[in-house]
Every structure is written in C-alpha cells, then in structure tokens.
Amino acid sequence: MKLTLIRHTSVDVPKGICYGITDVPLASSFPEELKTVRQKLVYKKFDVVYSSPLKRCTSLAREIISDQPIHTDSRLTELDFGDWEMATWKSIYESEAGKEWFANYVNARCPGGESFIELINRGESFLNEMKSKNLRNAAIFTHAGIIRAMMCLLQDKTPEEAFETPLEYGKMITFNLEHE
C-alpha cells in the first residue's frame, strides 16, 4: 500500500507564533499553492482520502479531491501545544517549562498539551488501522508533525532526524508499506 501524505499549504499566522491544534486560516497565497499541489497529484488515483479535521487540511483536500469522500480523523491533527497555542516561540523558549520541553520534546508534554511520543502513538494507531485495510493507495492531508511521526514509524528515523527534514508547506511524501 502507498500512503501519500500532503502537508497543508501556508497559513495566515505571523512568523514566530506557535500553532498546532488551533484552527488557523490559510494564507492569501492559497490559490497559487493549490495549483502547485494539484499539479503534483493530477495523475494519482486514491482508494481512500483522509484528512486532519483542521480547516487548513480539509480545505486543501476538498479543493484537490472532488470525486470521492474525504474522511476526517482527529489522529491526523498537529501536535497539541496546549497552553502554548498561539504564543510566541520566543516566550515559550524563555520560560522554564519551555526550556524543559525543548530539552526533551520527544517525551515531555507541553503544559496542557502533548509530547511528540504521544503524537507518534496517535500516528501509529492510525497507521495500524490503515494496514488492516485492503488498500493500494491512500491520500492523507495532514501536518508536519504527523509526517515526521510517520518518518519515525516507517523509515526508522529518530525524532531528531525527522525534525531535521525540511517539510515546506504543500510538501508531499509517499510511503510504501508492505502488507504483513
């Protein structure tokens, strides 16, 4: 089975702001970015299409996929930054809790949120469900965090290696899974 993960396009959030599960709007560049993503997917056919329930993913999915249902799944949302949602990264980094989290973001939870390992576990739950289905090709409209989690799960990357991988907006990565 092939899983094609597509990161949402640019968002209308000032640089330096932490957003994860906050349902932020898409940037005004969406029409241009949509054309680029659409061109990458023009010849691909999918057995099933999934999306994070956040608008930045469902909007892209609905514009790209018009001939089949789009299934939303909350396991595909971005990392929950909890109390830090919509705060500046600078203020987070300067806080004591922020310093602790940055030193161990894999296992440490954001205050009121989750850790990267919890995000990986959500991704693994979704992945195990996908593996149980008889599918050839699935599209998943999601976020950088989930894509990085899948890199850890499917490519044996460490979280550090996954975070070193550039994942620009509109990026598409296909994973090939073998049925066990």
Protein backbone atom coordinates (compact mmCIF):
# COMPACT_ATOMS: atom_id res chain seq x y z
CA MET A 1 0.00 0.00 0.00
CA LYS A 2 1.13 3.53 -0.72
CA LEU A 3 0.36 6.34 1.72
CA THR A 4 0.73 9.79 0.21
CA LEU A 5 0.90 12.40 2.94
CA ILE A 6 0.32 16.00 1.89
CA ARG A 7 1.14 18.86 4.23
CA HIS A 8 -1.35 21.74 4.23
CA THR A 9 -0.42 24.97 2.47
CA SER A 10 0.77 28.20 4.14
CA VAL A 11 -1.26 29.67 6.97
CA ASP A 12 -2.19 33.23 7.86
CA VAL A 13 -0.24 33.34 11.11
CA PRO A 14 2.65 35.70 11.84
CA LYS A 15 6.09 34.11 11.86
CA GLY A 16 7.25 33.06 15.29
CA ILE A 17 3.80 32.04 16.57
CA CYS A 18 3.21 28.54 17.92
CA TYR A 19 0.12 26.88 16.49
CA GLY A 20 -0.74 23.21 16.50
CA ILE A 21 -4.35 22.26 17.02
CA THR A 22 -5.56 25.84 16.69
CA ASP A 23 -7.75 26.05 13.58
CA VAL A 24 -5.84 28.88 11.87
CA PRO A 25 -6.83 30.27 8.45
CA LEU A 26 -4.96 29.67 5.21
CA ALA A 27 -2.73 32.38 3.76
CA SER A 28 -3.82 34.55 0.85
CA SER A 29 -1.33 32.59 -1.29
CA PHE A 30 -3.64 29.55 -1.12
CA PRO A 31 -4.83 29.73 -4.78
CA GLU A 32 -1.25 29.67 -6.08
CA GLU A 33 -0.14 26.97 -3.65
CA LEU A 34 -3.23 24.93 -4.51
CA LYS A 35 -2.21 24.92 -8.18
CA THR A 36 1.23 23.56 -7.27
CA VAL A 37 -0.17 20.78 -5.07
CA ARG A 38 -2.84 19.92 -7.64
CA GLN A 39 -0.18 19.53 -10.35
CA LYS A 40 1.73 17.06 -8.16
CA LEU A 41 -1.41 14.96 -7.68
CA VAL A 42 -3.00 15.24 -11.13
CA TYR A 43 -2.24 11.65 -12.19
CA LYS A 44 -2.68 9.97 -8.83
CA LYS A 45 -5.76 7.91 -8.01
CA PHE A 46 -6.60 7.06 -4.43
CA ASP A 47 -8.70 4.27 -2.93
CA VAL A 48 -9.42 6.45 0.08
CA VAL A 49 -8.75 10.01 1.22
CA TYR A 50 -8.22 11.08 4.84
CA SER A 51 -7.68 14.50 6.34
CA SER A 52 -6.98 16.13 9.64
CA PRO A 53 -10.23 17.82 10.73
CA LEU A 54 -8.50 21.22 10.86
CA LYS A 55 -9.60 23.60 8.09
CA ARG A 56 -6.10 24.12 6.74
CA CYS A 57 -6.13 20.45 5.75
CA THR A 58 -9.78 19.89 4.84
CA SER A 59 -9.84 23.00 2.63
CA LEU A 60 -6.90 21.71 0.61
CA ALA A 61 -8.31 18.18 0.46
CA ARG A 62 -11.71 19.38 -0.77
CA GLU A 63 -10.14 21.51 -3.49
CA ILE A 64 -7.95 18.65 -4.71
CA ILE A 65 -10.31 15.70 -4.29
CA SER A 66 -13.78 16.39 -5.67
CA ASP A 67 -14.87 12.94 -6.80
CA GLN A 68 -14.79 10.91 -3.58
CA PRO A 69 -15.49 11.32 0.14
CA ILE A 70 -12.88 12.80 2.45
CA HIS A 71 -12.74 11.09 5.83
CA THR A 72 -11.57 13.25 8.73
CA ASP A 73 -9.64 11.66 11.57
CA SER A 74 -8.52 13.53 14.71
CA ARG A 75 -5.44 11.29 14.97
CA LEU A 76 -4.08 13.25 11.99
CA THR A 77 -4.06 16.64 13.75
CA GLU A 78 -0.87 18.51 14.57
CA LEU A 79 0.84 18.35 17.95
CA ASP A 80 -1.30 19.80 20.73
CA PHE A 81 0.82 22.60 22.21
CA GLY A 82 -1.75 23.12 24.98
CA ASP A 83 -1.22 26.37 26.90
CA TRP A 84 1.32 27.48 24.30
CA GLU A 85 -1.11 27.58 21.37
CA MET A 86 -0.79 30.99 19.64
CA ALA A 87 2.01 32.16 21.97
CA THR A 88 5.32 33.33 20.55
CA TRP A 89 8.06 30.73 20.26
CA LYS A 90 10.36 33.28 21.90
CA SER A 91 8.20 33.50 25.04
CA ILE A 92 7.89 29.71 25.14
CA TYR A 93 11.65 29.23 24.81
CA GLU A 94 12.36 31.80 27.51
CA SER A 95 10.01 30.14 30.02
CA GLU A 96 11.24 27.46 32.42
CA ALA A 97 8.65 24.97 31.08
CA GLY A 98 9.73 25.82 27.55
CA LYS A 99 13.38 25.15 28.32
CA GLU A 100 12.44 21.79 29.83
CA TRP A 101 10.29 20.90 26.83
CA PHE A 102 12.90 21.90 24.25
CA ALA A 103 15.46 19.75 26.11
CA ASN A 104 13.17 16.70 25.88
CA TYR A 105 10.32 17.42 23.41
CA VAL A 106 10.08 13.74 22.49
CA ASN A 107 8.90 12.67 25.96
CA ALA A 108 7.97 15.91 27.73
CA ARG A 109 4.44 17.21 27.40
CA CYS A 110 3.64 20.78 26.55
CA PRO A 111 1.72 22.29 29.51
CA GLY A 112 -1.89 21.29 28.87
CA GLY A 113 -0.84 19.57 25.63
CA GLU A 114 1.05 16.50 24.48
CA SER A 115 4.54 15.19 23.78
CA PHE A 116 5.96 14.11 20.44
CA ILE A 117 5.84 10.46 21.56
CA GLU A 118 2.09 10.86 22.13
CA LEU A 119 1.79 12.25 18.60
CA ILE A 120 3.75 9.25 17.32
CA ASN A 121 1.38 6.94 19.19
CA ARG A 122 -1.63 8.65 17.54
CA GLY A 123 0.05 8.22 14.17
CA GLU A 124 0.79 4.57 14.91
CA SER A 125 -2.85 3.93 15.84
CA PHE A 126 -3.95 5.41 12.50
CA LEU A 127 -1.24 3.51 10.63
CA ASN A 128 -2.23 0.17 12.18
CA GLU A 129 -5.82 0.75 11.12
CA MET A 130 -4.68 1.56 7.58
CA LYS A 131 -2.56 -1.61 7.44
CA SER A 132 -5.63 -3.68 8.30
CA LYS A 133 -7.47 -2.43 5.20
CA ASN A 134 -7.09 -3.83 1.72
CA LEU A 135 -5.97 -0.60 0.04
CA ARG A 136 -3.47 0.16 -2.67
CA ASN A 137 -3.20 3.93 -2.48
CA ALA A 138 -4.36 6.38 0.19
CA ALA A 139 -4.07 10.18 0.39
CA ILE A 140 -3.67 11.84 3.77
CA PHE A 141 -3.91 15.63 4.13
CA THR A 142 -2.15 16.49 7.36
CA HIS A 143 0.54 18.43 9.22
CA ALA A 144 4.33 18.42 9.54
CA GLY A 145 4.15 16.75 12.97
CA ILE A 146 2.24 13.72 11.68
CA ILE A 147 4.51 13.45 8.65
CA ARG A 148 7.52 13.45 10.97
CA ALA A 149 5.85 10.83 13.16
CA MET A 150 5.36 8.64 10.08
CA MET A 151 9.05 9.09 9.22
CA CYS A 152 9.87 7.70 12.67
CA LEU A 153 7.41 4.82 12.29
CA LEU A 154 8.03 3.90 8.65
CA GLN A 155 11.60 4.96 7.95
CA ASP A 156 13.12 4.22 11.38
CA LYS A 157 14.22 7.84 11.70
CA THR A 158 14.89 9.21 15.13
CA PRO A 159 12.73 12.18 16.10
CA GLU A 160 15.81 14.37 15.75
CA GLU A 161 16.39 13.11 12.20
CA ALA A 162 12.72 13.64 11.35
CA PHE A 163 12.85 17.22 12.64
CA GLU A 164 15.96 17.91 10.55
CA THR A 165 14.00 17.00 7.40
CA PRO A 166 12.60 20.13 5.71
CA LEU A 167 8.82 19.92 5.25
CA GLU A 168 7.69 23.04 3.48
CA TYR A 169 4.01 23.85 3.06
CA GLY A 170 2.34 21.75 0.37
CA LYS A 171 5.09 19.09 0.63
CA MET A 172 4.11 15.59 -0.41
CA ILE A 173 5.77 12.37 0.78
CA THR A 174 4.79 8.85 -0.27
CA PHE A 175 5.50 5.87 1.95
CA ASN A 176 5.38 2.33 0.57
CA LEU A 177 4.03 -0.20 3.05
CA GLU A 178 4.27 -3.93 2.73
CA HIS A 179 1.34 -5.99 3.94
CA GLU A 180 2.46 -8.23 6.77
